[in-house]
Protein backbone atom coordinates (compact mmCIF):
# COMPACT_ATOMS: atom_id res chain seq x y z
CA MET A 1 0.00 0.00 0.00
CA VAL A 2 1.32 3.45 -0.92
CA PRO A 3 2.07 5.63 2.14
CA GLY A 4 -0.56 8.22 2.88
CA ILE A 5 -3.32 6.22 1.20
CA GLN A 6 -5.91 4.80 3.57
CA CYS A 7 -7.35 1.42 2.60
CA GLU A 8 -9.53 -0.04 5.33
CA VAL A 9 -10.88 -3.60 5.47
CA ARG A 10 -13.81 -3.69 7.87
CA GLY A 11 -14.86 -6.93 9.55
CA SER A 12 -18.52 -7.82 9.19
CA GLY A 13 -18.94 -8.48 12.93
CA ALA A 14 -22.36 -8.18 14.53
CA SER A 15 -25.20 -6.29 12.86
CA ARG A 16 -25.01 -2.57 13.40
CA ILE A 17 -27.81 -0.04 13.49
CA ALA A 18 -27.41 2.90 11.12
CA PRO A 19 -26.34 6.00 13.09
CA ARG A 20 -28.79 8.73 13.87
CA PHE A 21 -26.66 11.05 11.77
CA PHE A 22 -28.79 10.02 8.81
CA SER A 23 -32.47 10.73 8.72
CA VAL A 24 -34.84 7.93 9.62
CA SER A 25 -36.92 8.92 6.59
CA LEU A 26 -34.08 7.89 4.26
CA LEU A 27 -34.03 4.41 5.75
CA TRP A 28 -37.82 4.17 5.55
CA GLU A 29 -37.74 5.23 1.89
CA ALA A 30 -35.08 2.64 1.11
CA ALA A 31 -37.00 -0.08 2.95
CA GLY A 32 -40.17 0.80 1.06
CA ILE A 33 -38.37 0.43 -2.28
CA LEU A 34 -36.80 -2.86 -1.28
CA LEU A 35 -40.11 -4.37 -0.16
CA THR A 36 -42.19 -3.32 -3.16
CA SER A 37 -39.86 -3.49 -6.17
CA ASN A 38 -39.70 -6.66 -8.26
CA ASP A 39 -36.89 -5.46 -10.53
CA PRO A 40 -33.36 -5.32 -9.04
CA ASP A 41 -32.14 -2.61 -11.42
CA SER A 42 -34.99 -0.18 -10.69
CA MET A 43 -34.70 -1.04 -6.99
CA LEU A 44 -31.03 -0.03 -6.82
CA HIS A 45 -31.50 3.04 -9.01
CA GLY A 46 -34.31 4.22 -6.74
CA ILE A 47 -32.21 3.81 -3.60
CA PHE A 48 -29.18 5.47 -5.19
CA GLU A 49 -31.21 8.52 -6.27
CA ARG A 50 -32.37 9.03 -2.68
CA MET A 51 -28.85 8.62 -1.24
CA ARG A 52 -26.71 10.54 -3.69
CA ASP A 53 -27.51 14.10 -2.58
CA GLN A 54 -27.34 13.47 1.17
CA LEU A 55 -24.12 11.42 0.98
CA GLY A 56 -22.33 13.07 -1.92
CA LEU A 57 -22.40 9.98 -4.15
CA ASP A 58 -21.68 9.93 -7.90
CA ALA A 59 -21.70 6.25 -8.83
CA TYR A 60 -22.59 2.76 -7.69
CA PHE A 61 -21.71 -0.74 -8.95
CA ASN A 62 -23.65 -3.91 -8.27
CA PHE A 63 -21.96 -7.17 -9.23
CA MET A 64 -23.72 -10.52 -8.78
CA ILE A 65 -22.58 -14.15 -8.80
CA GLU A 66 -24.72 -16.07 -11.26
CA THR A 67 -23.47 -19.57 -10.34
CA PRO A 68 -21.33 -20.76 -7.41
CA GLY A 69 -17.61 -20.24 -8.08
CA ALA A 70 -18.25 -18.21 -11.24
CA THR A 71 -17.04 -14.71 -12.02
CA LEU A 72 -18.85 -11.55 -10.98
CA ARG A 73 -21.21 -9.99 -13.52
CA LEU A 74 -22.22 -6.31 -13.49
CA LYS A 75 -25.99 -6.27 -13.01
CA SER A 76 -26.72 -2.64 -12.17
CA TYR A 77 -24.75 0.60 -12.13
CA ALA A 78 -24.90 4.39 -12.34
CA GLY A 79 -22.34 7.17 -12.91
CA ILE A 80 -20.32 5.73 -15.82
CA PRO A 81 -20.97 5.56 -19.59
CA GLU A 82 -22.57 2.44 -21.02
CA GLU A 83 -19.48 1.54 -23.06
CA GLU A 84 -17.41 1.54 -19.86
CA ALA A 85 -19.99 -0.67 -18.19
CA GLN A 86 -19.56 -3.15 -21.05
CA ARG A 87 -15.79 -3.15 -20.47
CA ILE A 88 -16.16 -4.09 -16.79
CA SER A 89 -19.16 -6.36 -17.24
CA ARG A 90 -17.17 -9.25 -15.71
CA LEU A 91 -14.71 -9.36 -12.82
CA GLU A 92 -12.68 -12.22 -11.42
CA PHE A 93 -12.57 -12.89 -7.70
CA GLY A 94 -9.76 -10.73 -6.31
CA GLN A 95 -9.87 -8.29 -9.24
CA ALA A 96 -10.31 -4.57 -8.44
CA ILE A 97 -12.15 -3.40 -5.35
CA CYS A 98 -15.38 -5.35 -5.94
CA GLY A 99 -13.59 -8.60 -6.74
CA THR A 100 -11.43 -8.23 -3.64
CA ALA A 101 -14.46 -7.65 -1.40
CA ALA A 102 -16.06 -10.76 -2.90
CA LEU A 103 -12.92 -12.82 -2.34
CA ARG A 104 -12.54 -11.71 1.29
CA GLN A 105 -16.32 -11.54 1.91
CA ALA A 106 -15.69 -8.39 3.98
CA PRO A 107 -16.37 -4.65 3.46
CA ILE A 108 -13.57 -2.61 1.85
CA ASN A 109 -13.24 1.18 2.10
CA VAL A 110 -10.65 2.96 -0.09
CA ASN A 111 -9.81 6.69 0.37
CA SER A 112 -7.85 9.22 -1.74
CA ILE A 113 -7.99 7.00 -4.81
CA GLN A 114 -6.68 9.66 -7.23
CA GLU A 115 -3.36 9.82 -5.31
CA SER A 116 -3.01 6.03 -5.13
CA ASP A 117 -0.90 3.62 -7.20
CA GLU A 118 -2.57 0.59 -5.59
CA PRO A 119 -3.43 -1.97 -8.35
CA MET A 120 -6.78 -2.67 -6.74
CA VAL A 121 -8.05 0.90 -7.31
CA GLN A 122 -6.82 1.56 -10.84
CA LEU A 123 -10.08 0.52 -12.47
CA VAL A 124 -12.25 3.03 -10.60
CA LYS A 125 -9.48 5.64 -10.67
CA GLU A 126 -9.97 5.97 -14.44
CA TYR A 127 -13.54 7.18 -13.77
CA GLY A 128 -12.41 10.10 -11.57
CA ILE A 129 -13.58 8.43 -8.38
CA ARG A 130 -11.88 9.65 -5.18
CA ALA A 131 -13.54 7.43 -2.52
CA CYS A 132 -15.20 4.02 -2.77
CA ALA A 133 -16.89 1.75 -0.22
CA CYS A 134 -17.70 -1.82 -1.27
CA ASN A 135 -19.75 -4.33 0.75
CA PRO A 136 -20.36 -8.01 0.05
CA LEU A 137 -23.99 -9.06 -0.34
CA ILE A 138 -24.52 -12.12 1.82
CA ALA A 139 -27.82 -14.00 2.09
CA GLY A 140 -27.61 -16.26 5.12
CA GLU A 141 -24.10 -17.61 4.75
CA ARG A 142 -24.07 -17.47 0.95
CA LEU A 143 -22.24 -14.75 -1.01
CA ILE A 144 -24.49 -13.51 -3.81
CA GLY A 145 -22.61 -10.40 -4.97
CA THR A 146 -21.17 -7.00 -4.02
CA LEU A 147 -22.42 -3.42 -3.86
CA SER A 148 -20.13 -0.34 -4.09
CA PHE A 149 -20.87 3.35 -3.56
CA ALA A 150 -18.40 5.91 -4.90
CA SER A 151 -17.80 9.68 -4.86
CA ARG A 152 -15.89 12.04 -7.17
CA THR A 153 -16.21 15.00 -4.80
CA LYS A 154 -14.68 13.79 -1.55
CA ASP A 155 -11.63 11.72 -0.64
CA SER A 156 -13.20 9.68 2.16
CA PHE A 157 -16.42 8.58 3.82
CA SER A 158 -17.03 9.06 7.51
CA GLY A 159 -17.51 6.16 9.88
CA ALA A 160 -21.22 6.95 10.09
CA GLU A 161 -21.52 6.87 6.30
CA LEU A 162 -19.70 3.54 6.08
CA GLU A 163 -22.04 2.00 8.65
CA PHE A 164 -24.98 3.35 6.69
CA PHE A 165 -23.63 1.67 3.50
CA GLU A 166 -23.29 -1.62 5.37
CA THR A 167 -26.86 -1.36 6.64
CA ILE A 168 -28.23 -0.65 3.17
CA SER A 169 -26.18 -3.52 1.73
CA ARG A 170 -27.66 -5.94 4.26
CA TYR A 171 -31.16 -4.72 3.34
CA ILE A 172 -30.41 -5.20 -0.36
CA ALA A 173 -29.05 -8.72 0.20
CA VAL A 174 -32.34 -9.63 1.92
CA ALA A 175 -34.30 -8.03 -0.93
CA TYR A 176 -32.34 -10.02 -3.51
CA GLU A 177 -33.08 -13.21 -1.60
CA ARG A 178 -36.77 -12.28 -1.55
CA LEU A 179 -36.79 -11.75 -5.31
CA HIS A 180 -34.97 -15.06 -5.78
CA LEU A 181 -37.55 -16.93 -3.70
CA VAL A 182 -40.43 -15.17 -5.49
CA GLY A 183 -38.93 -16.20 -8.82
CA GLN A 184 -38.66 -19.80 -7.66
CA LEU A 185 -42.30 -19.78 -6.53
CA ARG A 186 -43.46 -18.36 -9.85
CA GLU A 187 -41.49 -20.98 -11.73
CA ALA A 188 -42.97 -23.70 -9.53
CA ASP A 189 -46.46 -22.29 -10.17
CA ARG A 190 -45.83 -22.34 -13.91
CA HIS A 191 -44.68 -25.96 -13.83
CA ARG A 192 -47.69 -26.86 -11.66
CA ASP A 193 -50.13 -25.26 -14.08
CA GLU A 194 -48.52 -26.97 -17.05
CA PHE A 195 -48.65 -30.31 -15.24
CA LEU A 196 -52.31 -29.89 -14.26
CA ALA A 197 -53.27 -28.97 -17.83
CA MET A 198 -51.39 -31.98 -19.23
CA LEU A 199 -52.80 -34.30 -16.56
CA ALA A 200 -56.39 -33.18 -17.22
CA HIS A 201 -55.94 -33.71 -20.95
CA GLU A 202 -54.39 -37.16 -20.56
CA LEU A 203 -57.02 -38.31 -18.06
CA ARG A 204 -59.90 -37.31 -20.33
CA ASN A 205 -58.68 -39.62 -23.10
CA PRO A 206 -59.44 -42.92 -21.28
CA LEU A 207 -62.57 -41.61 -19.54
CA ALA A 208 -64.53 -40.94 -22.74
CA PRO A 209 -64.41 -44.48 -24.16
CA ILE A 210 -65.14 -45.99 -20.73
CA ARG A 211 -68.27 -43.83 -20.38
CA ASN A 212 -69.35 -44.62 -23.94
CA ALA A 213 -68.87 -48.36 -23.40
CA ALA A 214 -70.96 -48.18 -20.21
CA GLN A 215 -73.75 -46.46 -22.15
CA VAL A 216 -73.68 -49.14 -24.85
CA LEU A 217 -73.88 -51.88 -22.20
CA MET A 218 -76.95 -50.19 -20.71
CA ARG A 219 -78.78 -50.55 -24.03
CA ILE A 220 -77.79 -54.10 -24.93
CA CYS A 221 -77.81 -55.83 -21.52
CA PRO A 222 -80.96 -57.25 -19.85
CA PRO A 223 -82.24 -54.74 -17.23
CA ASP A 224 -81.95 -57.14 -14.27
CA SER A 225 -78.64 -58.77 -15.13
CA GLN A 226 -75.55 -58.63 -12.94
CA LEU A 227 -73.73 -57.10 -15.91
CA GLN A 228 -76.11 -54.15 -15.74
CA GLN A 229 -75.21 -53.64 -12.09
CA MET A 230 -71.52 -53.64 -12.98
CA ARG A 231 -72.25 -51.15 -15.74
CA SER A 232 -73.97 -48.81 -13.26
CA MET A 233 -70.98 -49.04 -10.94
CA ILE A 234 -68.58 -48.20 -13.78
CA GLU A 235 -70.68 -45.20 -14.81
CA ARG A 236 -70.84 -43.84 -11.26
CA GLN A 237 -67.10 -44.08 -10.82
CA VAL A 238 -66.42 -42.54 -14.24
CA THR A 239 -68.74 -39.65 -13.34
CA HIS A 240 -66.78 -39.13 -10.14
CA MET A 241 -63.47 -39.21 -12.02
CA THR A 242 -64.80 -36.77 -14.60
CA ARG A 243 -65.65 -34.25 -11.88
CA LEU A 244 -62.14 -34.52 -10.48
CA VAL A 245 -60.58 -34.09 -13.92
CA ASP A 246 -62.77 -31.08 -14.71
CA ASP A 247 -61.57 -29.44 -11.47
CA LEU A 248 -57.89 -29.59 -12.44
CA PRO A 249 -57.83 -26.81 -15.09
CA ASN A 250 -59.94 -24.58 -12.85
CA VAL A 251 -57.21 -24.61 -10.17
CA SER A 252 -54.85 -22.89 -12.59
CA ARG A 253 -57.47 -20.45 -13.87
CA ILE A 254 -58.44 -19.38 -10.35
CA THR A 255 -54.90 -18.88 -9.05
CA GLN A 256 -53.82 -16.93 -12.15
CA ASN A 257 -57.05 -14.92 -12.60
CA LYS A 258 -57.35 -16.25 -16.15
CA ILE A 259 -61.09 -16.91 -16.11
CA THR A 260 -62.73 -15.12 -19.04
CA LEU A 261 -66.40 -14.32 -19.60
CA ARG A 262 -68.42 -14.17 -22.81
CA LYS A 263 -71.38 -12.07 -21.79
CA GLU A 264 -74.73 -11.84 -23.53
CA LYS A 265 -78.33 -11.05 -22.67
CA LEU A 266 -79.87 -14.02 -20.86
CA GLU A 267 -83.03 -15.23 -19.21
CA LEU A 268 -82.32 -16.75 -15.80
CA MET A 269 -84.87 -19.54 -16.31
CA THR A 270 -82.80 -20.91 -19.21
CA ILE A 271 -79.63 -20.92 -17.11
CA VAL A 272 -81.38 -22.69 -14.24
CA GLY A 273 -82.68 -25.37 -16.60
CA THR A 274 -79.20 -26.03 -17.94
CA ALA A 275 -77.74 -26.22 -14.42
CA VAL A 276 -80.43 -28.59 -13.15
CA GLU A 277 -79.88 -30.85 -16.13
CA THR A 278 -76.13 -30.90 -15.41
CA SER A 279 -76.62 -31.83 -11.74
CA ARG A 280 -79.57 -34.16 -12.21
CA SER A 281 -77.53 -37.37 -12.34
CA LEU A 282 -75.88 -36.70 -8.96
CA ILE A 283 -79.16 -35.62 -7.37
CA ASP A 284 -80.97 -38.70 -8.67
CA ALA A 285 -78.14 -41.01 -7.62
CA ARG A 286 -78.53 -39.83 -4.02
CA LYS A 287 -82.36 -39.96 -4.23
CA HIS A 288 -82.84 -36.31 -3.30
CA ARG A 289 -86.05 -34.36 -3.78
CA LEU A 290 -85.28 -31.24 -5.82
CA THR A 291 -87.79 -28.39 -5.86
CA VAL A 292 -87.29 -25.46 -8.25
CA SER A 293 -89.29 -22.27 -7.79
CA LEU A 294 -88.86 -19.26 -10.11
CA THR A 295 -91.01 -16.16 -9.76
CA GLY A 296 -91.32 -14.61 -13.21
CA PRO A 297 -88.75 -13.71 -15.87
CA ALA A 298 -85.39 -12.32 -14.73
CA PRO A 299 -83.27 -10.86 -17.56
CA ILE A 300 -79.55 -10.67 -16.78
CA GLU A 301 -76.30 -10.14 -18.65
CA GLY A 302 -73.60 -12.75 -18.30
CA ASP A 303 -71.77 -15.78 -19.57
CA PRO A 304 -74.37 -18.56 -19.89
CA THR A 305 -71.85 -21.36 -19.43
CA ARG A 306 -70.26 -19.83 -16.35
CA LEU A 307 -73.56 -18.90 -14.70
CA ALA A 308 -74.89 -22.40 -15.26
CA GLN A 309 -71.66 -23.61 -13.67
CA VAL A 310 -72.35 -21.44 -10.60
CA ILE A 311 -75.80 -22.96 -10.06
CA SER A 312 -74.74 -26.54 -10.82
CA ASN A 313 -71.78 -26.25 -8.43
CA LEU A 314 -74.16 -25.13 -5.66
CA LEU A 315 -76.58 -27.96 -6.46
CA ASN A 316 -73.74 -30.50 -6.51
CA ASN A 317 -72.50 -29.15 -3.19
CA ALA A 318 -75.96 -29.53 -1.68
CA ALA A 319 -76.32 -33.06 -3.05
CA LYS A 320 -72.93 -34.10 -1.74
CA TYR A 321 -73.49 -32.86 1.81
CA THR A 322 -77.09 -34.05 2.15
CA GLU A 323 -77.84 -37.63 3.18
CA GLU A 324 -79.73 -39.83 0.72
CA GLY A 325 -83.41 -38.97 0.45
CA GLY A 326 -82.89 -35.37 1.54
CA SER A 327 -84.45 -32.22 0.12
CA ILE A 328 -82.89 -29.46 -2.00
CA LEU A 329 -84.72 -26.22 -2.77
CA LEU A 330 -83.67 -23.86 -5.57
CA THR A 331 -85.50 -20.53 -5.72
CA ALA A 332 -85.04 -17.31 -7.67
CA GLU A 333 -86.88 -14.03 -7.22
CA LYS A 334 -86.41 -10.36 -7.99
CA ASP A 335 -85.33 -8.02 -5.21
CA GLY A 336 -85.17 -4.46 -6.46
CA ALA A 337 -82.42 -4.21 -9.08
CA GLU A 338 -81.18 -7.71 -8.29
CA VAL A 339 -82.21 -11.29 -8.76
CA VAL A 340 -81.68 -13.47 -5.70
CA MET A 341 -81.06 -17.19 -6.07
CA ARG A 342 -81.06 -19.51 -3.07
CA VAL A 343 -79.92 -23.11 -2.89
CA LYS A 344 -81.07 -24.61 0.42
CA ASP A 345 -80.70 -28.14 1.73
CA ASP A 346 -81.49 -30.09 4.92
CA GLY A 347 -78.10 -31.78 5.00
CA MET A 348 -75.15 -31.89 7.39
CA GLY A 349 -74.84 -28.10 7.73
CA ILE A 350 -71.71 -26.04 8.39
CA SER A 351 -70.04 -25.41 11.73
CA PRO A 352 -69.59 -21.76 12.80
CA ASP A 353 -65.79 -21.99 12.65
CA ALA A 354 -65.86 -23.41 9.08
CA LEU A 355 -68.51 -21.00 7.74
CA PRO A 356 -66.09 -18.08 7.06
CA HIS A 357 -63.80 -20.36 5.04
CA VAL A 358 -66.20 -22.30 2.81
CA PHE A 359 -65.22 -20.21 -0.25
CA ASP A 360 -61.47 -20.65 0.28
CA LEU A 361 -59.52 -22.71 -2.24
CA PHE A 362 -59.17 -26.44 -1.44
CA THR A 363 -61.55 -26.16 1.51
CA GLN A 364 -64.08 -28.90 2.23
CA ALA A 365 -66.24 -29.10 5.32
CA ASP A 366 -65.90 -32.88 5.51
CA ARG A 367 -63.18 -35.09 4.06
CA SER A 368 -64.80 -38.38 5.05
CA LEU A 369 -65.14 -41.07 2.38
CA ASP A 370 -68.92 -40.93 2.19
CA HIS A 371 -68.71 -37.27 1.15
CA SER A 372 -65.83 -37.64 -1.30
CA GLN A 373 -67.79 -36.99 -4.50
CA GLY A 374 -67.33 -33.24 -4.49
CA GLY A 375 -63.97 -32.98 -6.24
CA LEU A 376 -60.91 -31.11 -5.06
CA GLY A 377 -62.56 -28.44 -2.93
CA ILE A 378 -62.56 -25.65 -5.51
CA GLY A 379 -66.25 -25.61 -6.49
CA LEU A 380 -67.32 -22.91 -4.04
CA THR A 381 -64.16 -20.88 -4.74
CA LEU A 382 -65.09 -20.89 -8.40
CA VAL A 383 -68.68 -19.91 -7.51
CA ARG A 384 -67.52 -16.83 -5.62
CA ARG A 385 -65.05 -15.80 -8.35
CA LEU A 386 -67.62 -16.14 -11.14
CA VAL A 387 -70.38 -14.35 -9.22
CA GLU A 388 -68.06 -11.44 -8.40
CA MET A 389 -66.94 -11.25 -12.05
CA HIS A 390 -70.64 -10.80 -12.95
CA GLY A 391 -70.95 -7.90 -10.50
CA GLY A 392 -72.75 -9.96 -7.86
CA ARG A 393 -72.04 -11.46 -4.47
CA VAL A 394 -72.57 -14.79 -2.70
CA GLU A 395 -72.87 -15.76 0.95
CA ALA A 396 -73.19 -18.99 2.91
CA LEU A 397 -75.65 -19.46 5.77
CA SER A 398 -76.09 -22.29 8.26
CA ASP A 399 -77.44 -22.74 11.78
CA GLY A 400 -74.76 -25.32 12.52
CA PRO A 401 -73.99 -29.02 12.06
CA GLY A 402 -77.01 -31.15 11.17
CA LYS A 403 -79.21 -28.12 10.41
CA GLY A 404 -78.66 -27.76 6.68
CA SER A 405 -77.11 -24.91 4.75
CA GLU A 406 -78.13 -22.18 2.34
CA PHE A 407 -76.16 -20.35 -0.34
CA VAL A 408 -77.49 -17.02 -1.56
CA VAL A 409 -76.38 -15.55 -4.90
CA ARG A 410 -77.26 -11.98 -5.86
CA LEU A 411 -76.83 -10.82 -9.47
CA PRO A 412 -77.73 -7.46 -11.05
CA LEU A 413 -80.79 -7.49 -13.28
CA LEU A 414 -80.51 -6.26 -16.84
CA MET A 415 -82.62 -3.10 -17.13
CA ARG A 416 -84.17 -2.78 -20.57
CA ALA A 417 -85.36 0.54 -21.95
CA THR A 418 -88.51 -0.79 -23.67
CA SER A 419 -90.59 -3.91 -23.73
CA GLU A 420 -89.71 -4.33 -27.42
CA GLU A 421 -86.39 -5.79 -26.35
CA GLU A 422 -88.05 -8.64 -24.49
CA PRO A 423 -87.07 -11.92 -26.13
CA GLY A 424 -89.86 -13.59 -28.08
CA PRO A 425 -90.23 -17.09 -29.45
CA ALA A 426 -87.83 -17.90 -32.24
CA LYS A 427 -89.41 -17.96 -35.71
CA VAL A 428 -88.28 -19.70 -38.85
CA GLY A 429 -90.25 -18.71 -41.96
CA GLY A 430 -93.26 -17.73 -39.82
CA GLU A 431 -93.89 -21.33 -38.79
CA GLY A 432 -91.97 -21.42 -35.50
CA VAL A 433 -88.82 -23.33 -34.72
CA GLN A 434 -88.23 -26.25 -37.05
CA ARG A 435 -86.81 -29.50 -35.76
CA PRO A 436 -83.69 -30.63 -37.55
CA ALA A 437 -84.11 -33.48 -39.94
CA THR A 438 -83.24 -36.92 -38.62
CA CYS A 439 -79.61 -37.69 -39.39
CA CYS A 440 -78.69 -40.94 -41.02
CA ARG A 441 -74.90 -40.76 -41.12
CA ALA A 442 -72.29 -39.64 -38.59
CA LEU A 443 -68.60 -38.87 -38.98
CA VAL A 444 -66.59 -39.57 -35.83
CA VAL A 445 -63.15 -37.92 -35.72
CA ASP A 446 -60.82 -38.53 -32.79
CA ASP A 447 -57.10 -39.18 -32.35
CA ASN A 448 -57.99 -41.78 -29.69
CA VAL A 449 -59.07 -45.01 -31.40
CA ASP A 450 -60.94 -46.37 -28.37
CA SER A 451 -62.83 -43.11 -27.97
CA ALA A 452 -63.81 -43.01 -31.65
CA GLU A 453 -64.94 -46.64 -31.74
CA SER A 454 -66.95 -46.38 -28.52
CA THR A 455 -68.58 -43.14 -29.71
CA SER A 456 -69.49 -44.81 -32.99
CA ASN A 457 -70.99 -47.79 -31.19
CA LEU A 458 -72.89 -45.56 -28.78
CA THR A 459 -74.26 -43.45 -31.65
CA ALA A 460 -75.32 -46.50 -33.59
CA THR A 461 -77.01 -47.98 -30.52
CA ARG A 462 -78.91 -44.78 -29.75
CA TRP A 463 -80.21 -44.45 -33.29
CA ARG A 464 -81.05 -48.18 -33.45
CA TRP A 465 -79.21 -48.73 -36.68
CA ARG A 466 -79.39 -52.24 -38.07
CA THR A 467 -75.69 -52.52 -38.83
CA MET A 468 -72.71 -50.99 -37.09
CA GLY A 469 -71.13 -50.32 -40.49
CA GLN A 470 -73.30 -47.27 -41.04
CA ALA A 471 -70.92 -45.18 -38.91
CA ARG A 472 -67.96 -43.93 -40.90
CA LEU A 473 -64.69 -43.70 -38.95
CA ARG A 474 -61.74 -41.59 -39.98
CA TRP A 475 -58.55 -41.36 -37.90
CA ARG A 476 -56.27 -38.39 -37.82
C-alpha cells in the first residue's frame, strides 16, 4: 500500500444499526423500495437517487454471482458511460475493489484514490472516483454479490456513512433473496399449471371411451342382469373421475385470474334449466327431492356457461353434503335491481368456525369417504369468483352441524329501456322453430381409437341402426 493512502478492510462483525446522523426517513424510503420493487435494477436506481444528494455519491456498482464459483457480472450501475460498463461487465474474484471484497467476503473502504498507485483501485481511478466503499452481499451464509458506492467530490467517507452503506447492503441482500424466492415460486407455479393442464388432458382420453362403453352396455344388456349392475358401478365411478378431472384446469385459472367471460343477454330460467340438467344425475343417484321455484322472468347479462356452472356447483355441493333422500330447494326471485337465487338443503350443515372459510380454495367441510364426490374443494371458490366477475355477491348461511345450509347468490338485473327488447319465441319462416331433420350418417373424428370406436358404437345404438357399419370412422 502506498504511504498516505488509507485502505480499510472492515470486519462484518455483529449487525449494526445505522447512526442517527442520517435521517430515519431515508431508511424508511429505502426499505419501502426494497419491499415493493420486483426489478433489481430499478430497486437499486431508486435507492441510489435518494442517497446521492445526502451522501455526496456519484456512482454505484452492483456485481452478482450467477453460479457458485463463477465470475462476478455487473448487473446494475450508475455514474459511468454504457461503453465503460460493457468493459467491466465481468470481474474475477480478487480483481479490483469489488472482486477483492467478494474474495474476502468483507467490506472494503478505499480513500484518496486519485493519489493512489494501488493496483486494486486503478479501475475506478480511471472514472475520476476519489472514494469508494464496497460491501459483500450475503444471504444467510451465501455470497451472492457485491455493492459499491463511490464519490468524485470527496476523498473519504465518515464512519457513520460507512455503517450506513453496510446497513443498506444488508437490506439489499435480503431483498435479492426475496426476489430469488419469489422467482422460484413463480417458476414452480408455472410448472404446476402446465402439469395440471397436461394431466387433465391425458385423463380425459381414457374416460370418454369408458363412459361410452358403459352407455352401450346399458342398451344391450338385460335390465336385471348382474352385468347391468356392474355397468352402473362403472358409470358412477367414471362420473366421479370426470368431476375430479374437470376441477384440475380450474385450479390454474383461479390462481392466475385467467377466467374469461363471454357475456350476452340471458333469461335466468334458461340458465337454471341447464344447471339442473347438469346436476340431475348426482341428485338422482342420491335420491334427493329437488324443488325449483322461479317467480317470473329475470333478464340478466352474463356468460351462460359460467352462470350455469355457478348454479350446478351449488346444487352439486348440496347433493354431496345431504344424506340420501334429503331435500334441495332452488329458488329465484327479484329483489329491487337484483335477482336473488337460493340453494337450500337439509343436510349436514356447516359449523360456525368453518362458515367463514367455505369459499377458500381447497376447503371442504368434511373429508370423510362418504362425502368424497365433491372434487378437489374448488367448487365454491369458483362460484364466488364467477359471481363477483358478474358484479354480484354470494354468501353462505347455516345454523350449525345437522341443520342444513343455504347459499345465496345476488346478481344485477338487466334493465331494458322498452318492452320491445323482451325476447320472443324464435321464428323460422313464420312457422316457428323447425326440428332438424333426422340424421342418417355420422362422422366420428378422434385421435384416440378407443374413444372413436366407442362413440361410434354408442351413436349406432342410440339411433337403433341395423348394422354398425353405417358409422364412418376416420382417424387423424
